[in-house]
């Protein structure tokens, strides 16, 4: 996921692509990056931590991937609803 980038100073930056996305996507990105503070790899412990912080993590991740596919295919930055 390239939504955020964890800097050496432990700062999370969100890509400008995500300026106008639903709050749930930003929450998922933040949870993902926060989990990397404890777990560097995308393993079982990493995803358990993500779910602990945000129980709907996997649904938000799926929705975000669908959104990014829409953007790539259509060039549109809108989300229905």
N, C-alpha and C. Protein backbone atom coordinates (compact mmCIF):
# COMPACT_ATOMS: atom_id res chain seq x y z
N UNK A 1 0.86 -1.17 0.00
CA UNK A 1 0.00 0.00 0.00
C UNK A 1 0.89 1.22 0.00
N UNK A 2 0.58 2.17 -0.82
CA UNK A 2 1.39 3.37 -0.89
C UNK A 2 0.62 4.59 -0.43
N UNK A 3 -0.27 4.38 0.52
CA UNK A 3 -1.08 5.47 1.02
C UNK A 3 -0.31 6.40 1.92
N UNK A 4 0.59 5.84 2.67
CA UNK A 4 1.37 6.64 3.59
C UNK A 4 2.80 6.16 3.58
N UNK A 5 3.67 6.96 4.11
CA UNK A 5 5.07 6.57 4.15
C UNK A 5 5.59 6.86 5.54
N UNK A 6 6.12 5.84 6.17
CA UNK A 6 6.64 5.98 7.52
C UNK A 6 8.07 6.49 7.43
N UNK A 7 8.32 7.66 7.96
CA UNK A 7 9.64 8.26 7.92
C UNK A 7 10.45 7.79 9.13
N UNK A 8 11.75 8.01 9.06
CA UNK A 8 12.63 7.65 10.18
C UNK A 8 12.20 8.37 11.45
N UNK A 9 11.61 9.55 11.32
CA UNK A 9 11.16 10.32 12.48
C UNK A 9 9.82 9.82 13.00
N UNK A 10 9.36 8.69 12.44
CA UNK A 10 8.07 8.09 12.81
C UNK A 10 6.91 9.03 12.48
N UNK A 11 7.04 9.67 11.35
CA UNK A 11 6.02 10.58 10.84
C UNK A 11 5.27 9.88 9.72
N UNK A 12 3.96 10.00 9.73
CA UNK A 12 3.15 9.39 8.67
C UNK A 12 2.69 10.49 7.74
N UNK A 13 2.96 10.31 6.45
CA UNK A 13 2.49 11.25 5.44
C UNK A 13 1.53 10.52 4.53
N UNK A 14 0.45 11.17 4.22
CA UNK A 14 -0.58 10.60 3.36
C UNK A 14 -0.44 11.22 1.97
N UNK A 15 -0.41 10.38 0.94
CA UNK A 15 -0.27 10.86 -0.44
C UNK A 15 -1.43 11.78 -0.81
N UNK A 16 -1.15 12.77 -1.63
CA UNK A 16 -2.17 13.75 -2.03
C UNK A 16 -3.34 13.10 -2.76
N UNK A 17 -3.14 11.94 -3.35
CA UNK A 17 -4.22 11.19 -4.01
C UNK A 17 -5.40 10.97 -3.07
N UNK A 18 -5.12 10.90 -1.77
CA UNK A 18 -6.14 10.57 -0.78
C UNK A 18 -6.78 11.78 -0.11
N UNK A 19 -6.61 12.96 -0.69
CA UNK A 19 -7.17 14.17 -0.08
C UNK A 19 -8.69 14.16 0.03
N UNK A 20 -9.35 13.56 -0.95
CA UNK A 20 -10.82 13.62 -0.97
C UNK A 20 -11.44 12.23 -0.98
N UNK A 21 -10.92 11.36 -0.14
CA UNK A 21 -11.48 10.01 -0.03
C UNK A 21 -12.28 9.90 1.26
N UNK A 22 -13.12 8.89 1.36
CA UNK A 22 -13.87 8.70 2.61
C UNK A 22 -12.94 8.53 3.82
N UNK A 23 -13.41 8.98 4.95
CA UNK A 23 -12.66 8.92 6.19
C UNK A 23 -12.18 7.50 6.50
N UNK A 24 -12.97 6.50 6.14
CA UNK A 24 -12.60 5.10 6.42
C UNK A 24 -11.28 4.73 5.72
N UNK A 25 -11.06 5.27 4.52
CA UNK A 25 -9.81 4.98 3.81
C UNK A 25 -8.63 5.59 4.55
N UNK A 26 -8.79 6.81 5.01
CA UNK A 26 -7.71 7.45 5.76
C UNK A 26 -7.45 6.72 7.07
N UNK A 27 -8.51 6.25 7.71
CA UNK A 27 -8.37 5.48 8.94
C UNK A 27 -7.58 4.19 8.66
N UNK A 28 -7.93 3.50 7.57
CA UNK A 28 -7.24 2.26 7.22
C UNK A 28 -5.76 2.51 6.95
N UNK A 29 -5.45 3.58 6.23
CA UNK A 29 -4.06 3.92 5.94
C UNK A 29 -3.30 4.23 7.22
N UNK A 30 -3.92 5.01 8.10
CA UNK A 30 -3.26 5.36 9.36
C UNK A 30 -3.03 4.12 10.22
N UNK A 31 -4.01 3.24 10.30
CA UNK A 31 -3.86 2.00 11.07
C UNK A 31 -2.74 1.16 10.47
N UNK A 32 -2.71 1.06 9.15
CA UNK A 32 -1.68 0.28 8.46
C UNK A 32 -0.29 0.80 8.82
N UNK A 33 -0.11 2.10 8.72
CA UNK A 33 1.19 2.69 9.01
C UNK A 33 1.55 2.60 10.50
N UNK A 34 0.56 2.78 11.37
CA UNK A 34 0.82 2.63 12.81
C UNK A 34 1.24 1.20 13.15
N UNK A 35 0.63 0.24 12.50
CA UNK A 35 0.99 -1.17 12.74
C UNK A 35 2.45 -1.42 12.38
N UNK A 36 2.95 -0.69 11.38
CA UNK A 36 4.36 -0.85 10.99
C UNK A 36 5.33 -0.37 12.06
N UNK A 37 4.87 0.43 13.00
CA UNK A 37 5.76 0.84 14.10
C UNK A 37 6.15 -0.37 14.94
N UNK A 38 5.26 -1.35 15.02
CA UNK A 38 5.52 -2.55 15.82
C UNK A 38 5.93 -3.73 14.96
N UNK A 39 5.27 -3.91 13.84
CA UNK A 39 5.52 -5.05 12.95
C UNK A 39 5.97 -4.53 11.59
N UNK A 40 7.21 -4.83 11.22
CA UNK A 40 7.75 -4.32 9.96
C UNK A 40 7.20 -5.05 8.74
N UNK A 41 6.96 -6.33 8.84
CA UNK A 41 6.51 -7.15 7.72
C UNK A 41 5.00 -7.32 7.73
N UNK A 42 4.43 -7.58 6.56
CA UNK A 42 3.00 -7.83 6.43
C UNK A 42 2.69 -9.30 6.73
N UNK A 43 2.87 -9.69 7.95
CA UNK A 43 2.60 -11.06 8.37
C UNK A 43 1.35 -11.15 9.22
N UNK A 44 1.16 -12.33 9.79
CA UNK A 44 -0.04 -12.58 10.60
C UNK A 44 -0.14 -11.59 11.77
N UNK A 45 0.96 -11.36 12.47
CA UNK A 45 0.96 -10.45 13.62
C UNK A 45 0.61 -9.02 13.18
N UNK A 46 1.10 -8.63 12.02
CA UNK A 46 0.82 -7.30 11.49
C UNK A 46 -0.68 -7.12 11.30
N UNK A 47 -1.32 -8.08 10.60
CA UNK A 47 -2.75 -7.96 10.32
C UNK A 47 -3.60 -8.12 11.58
N UNK A 48 -3.16 -8.91 12.53
CA UNK A 48 -3.88 -9.02 13.80
C UNK A 48 -3.87 -7.68 14.52
N UNK A 49 -2.75 -7.00 14.46
CA UNK A 49 -2.64 -5.67 15.08
C UNK A 49 -3.55 -4.66 14.37
N UNK A 50 -3.58 -4.73 13.04
CA UNK A 50 -4.47 -3.84 12.28
C UNK A 50 -5.93 -4.06 12.68
N UNK A 51 -6.33 -5.31 12.78
CA UNK A 51 -7.71 -5.64 13.15
C UNK A 51 -8.01 -5.21 14.59
N UNK A 52 -7.01 -5.32 15.45
CA UNK A 52 -7.18 -4.88 16.84
C UNK A 52 -7.48 -3.38 16.89
N UNK A 53 -6.76 -2.61 16.06
CA UNK A 53 -6.96 -1.16 16.05
C UNK A 53 -8.22 -0.76 15.28
N UNK A 54 -8.55 -1.52 14.23
CA UNK A 54 -9.72 -1.20 13.40
C UNK A 54 -10.36 -2.51 12.95
N UNK A 55 -11.42 -2.94 13.64
CA UNK A 55 -12.05 -4.22 13.33
C UNK A 55 -12.49 -4.37 11.86
N UNK A 56 -12.81 -3.27 11.19
CA UNK A 56 -13.23 -3.34 9.79
C UNK A 56 -12.05 -3.14 8.82
N UNK A 57 -10.84 -3.33 9.31
CA UNK A 57 -9.63 -3.08 8.50
C UNK A 57 -9.68 -3.75 7.14
N UNK A 58 -9.99 -5.04 7.10
CA UNK A 58 -9.96 -5.77 5.83
C UNK A 58 -11.01 -5.26 4.85
N UNK A 59 -12.18 -4.89 5.34
CA UNK A 59 -13.21 -4.33 4.46
C UNK A 59 -12.76 -3.00 3.89
N UNK A 60 -12.18 -2.14 4.74
CA UNK A 60 -11.70 -0.85 4.27
C UNK A 60 -10.57 -1.03 3.26
N UNK A 61 -9.70 -2.00 3.51
CA UNK A 61 -8.60 -2.25 2.59
C UNK A 61 -9.13 -2.70 1.22
N UNK A 62 -10.11 -3.59 1.23
CA UNK A 62 -10.74 -4.04 -0.02
C UNK A 62 -11.39 -2.86 -0.74
N UNK A 63 -12.15 -2.07 -0.02
CA UNK A 63 -12.81 -0.91 -0.61
C UNK A 63 -11.79 0.06 -1.21
N UNK A 64 -10.69 0.27 -0.51
CA UNK A 64 -9.66 1.17 -1.00
C UNK A 64 -9.03 0.62 -2.28
N UNK A 65 -8.78 -0.67 -2.31
CA UNK A 65 -8.20 -1.28 -3.52
C UNK A 65 -9.16 -1.14 -4.70
N UNK A 66 -10.45 -1.32 -4.46
CA UNK A 66 -11.45 -1.13 -5.52
C UNK A 66 -11.48 0.32 -6.00
N UNK A 67 -11.40 1.24 -5.06
CA UNK A 67 -11.37 2.66 -5.38
C UNK A 67 -10.16 2.98 -6.25
N UNK A 68 -8.98 2.49 -5.86
CA UNK A 68 -7.76 2.76 -6.62
C UNK A 68 -7.83 2.15 -8.02
N UNK A 69 -8.48 1.00 -8.14
CA UNK A 69 -8.67 0.40 -9.46
C UNK A 69 -9.56 1.29 -10.32
N UNK A 70 -10.62 1.83 -9.71
CA UNK A 70 -11.51 2.75 -10.42
C UNK A 70 -10.73 3.97 -10.90
N UNK A 71 -9.91 4.52 -10.04
CA UNK A 71 -9.12 5.70 -10.40
C UNK A 71 -8.18 5.36 -11.56
N UNK A 72 -7.54 4.22 -11.48
CA UNK A 72 -6.61 3.81 -12.53
C UNK A 72 -7.32 3.60 -13.87
N UNK A 73 -8.48 2.96 -13.83
CA UNK A 73 -9.21 2.65 -15.07
C UNK A 73 -9.96 3.85 -15.64
N UNK A 74 -10.52 4.67 -14.78
CA UNK A 74 -11.41 5.74 -15.23
C UNK A 74 -10.80 7.14 -15.06
N UNK A 75 -9.78 7.23 -14.24
CA UNK A 75 -9.19 8.53 -13.98
C UNK A 75 -10.08 9.43 -13.12
N UNK A 76 -11.03 8.83 -12.42
CA UNK A 76 -11.96 9.60 -11.61
C UNK A 76 -11.59 9.49 -10.13
N UNK A 77 -11.76 10.58 -9.42
CA UNK A 77 -11.49 10.61 -7.99
C UNK A 77 -12.78 10.83 -7.21
N UNK A 78 -13.78 10.04 -7.51
CA UNK A 78 -15.03 10.17 -6.76
C UNK A 78 -15.41 8.83 -6.18
N UNK A 79 -16.11 8.87 -5.10
CA UNK A 79 -16.55 7.65 -4.43
C UNK A 79 -18.06 7.72 -4.29
N UNK A 80 -18.76 6.70 -4.77
CA UNK A 80 -20.22 6.73 -4.64
C UNK A 80 -20.66 6.72 -3.19
N UNK A 81 -21.66 7.51 -2.88
CA UNK A 81 -22.22 7.51 -1.53
C UNK A 81 -21.69 8.59 -0.76
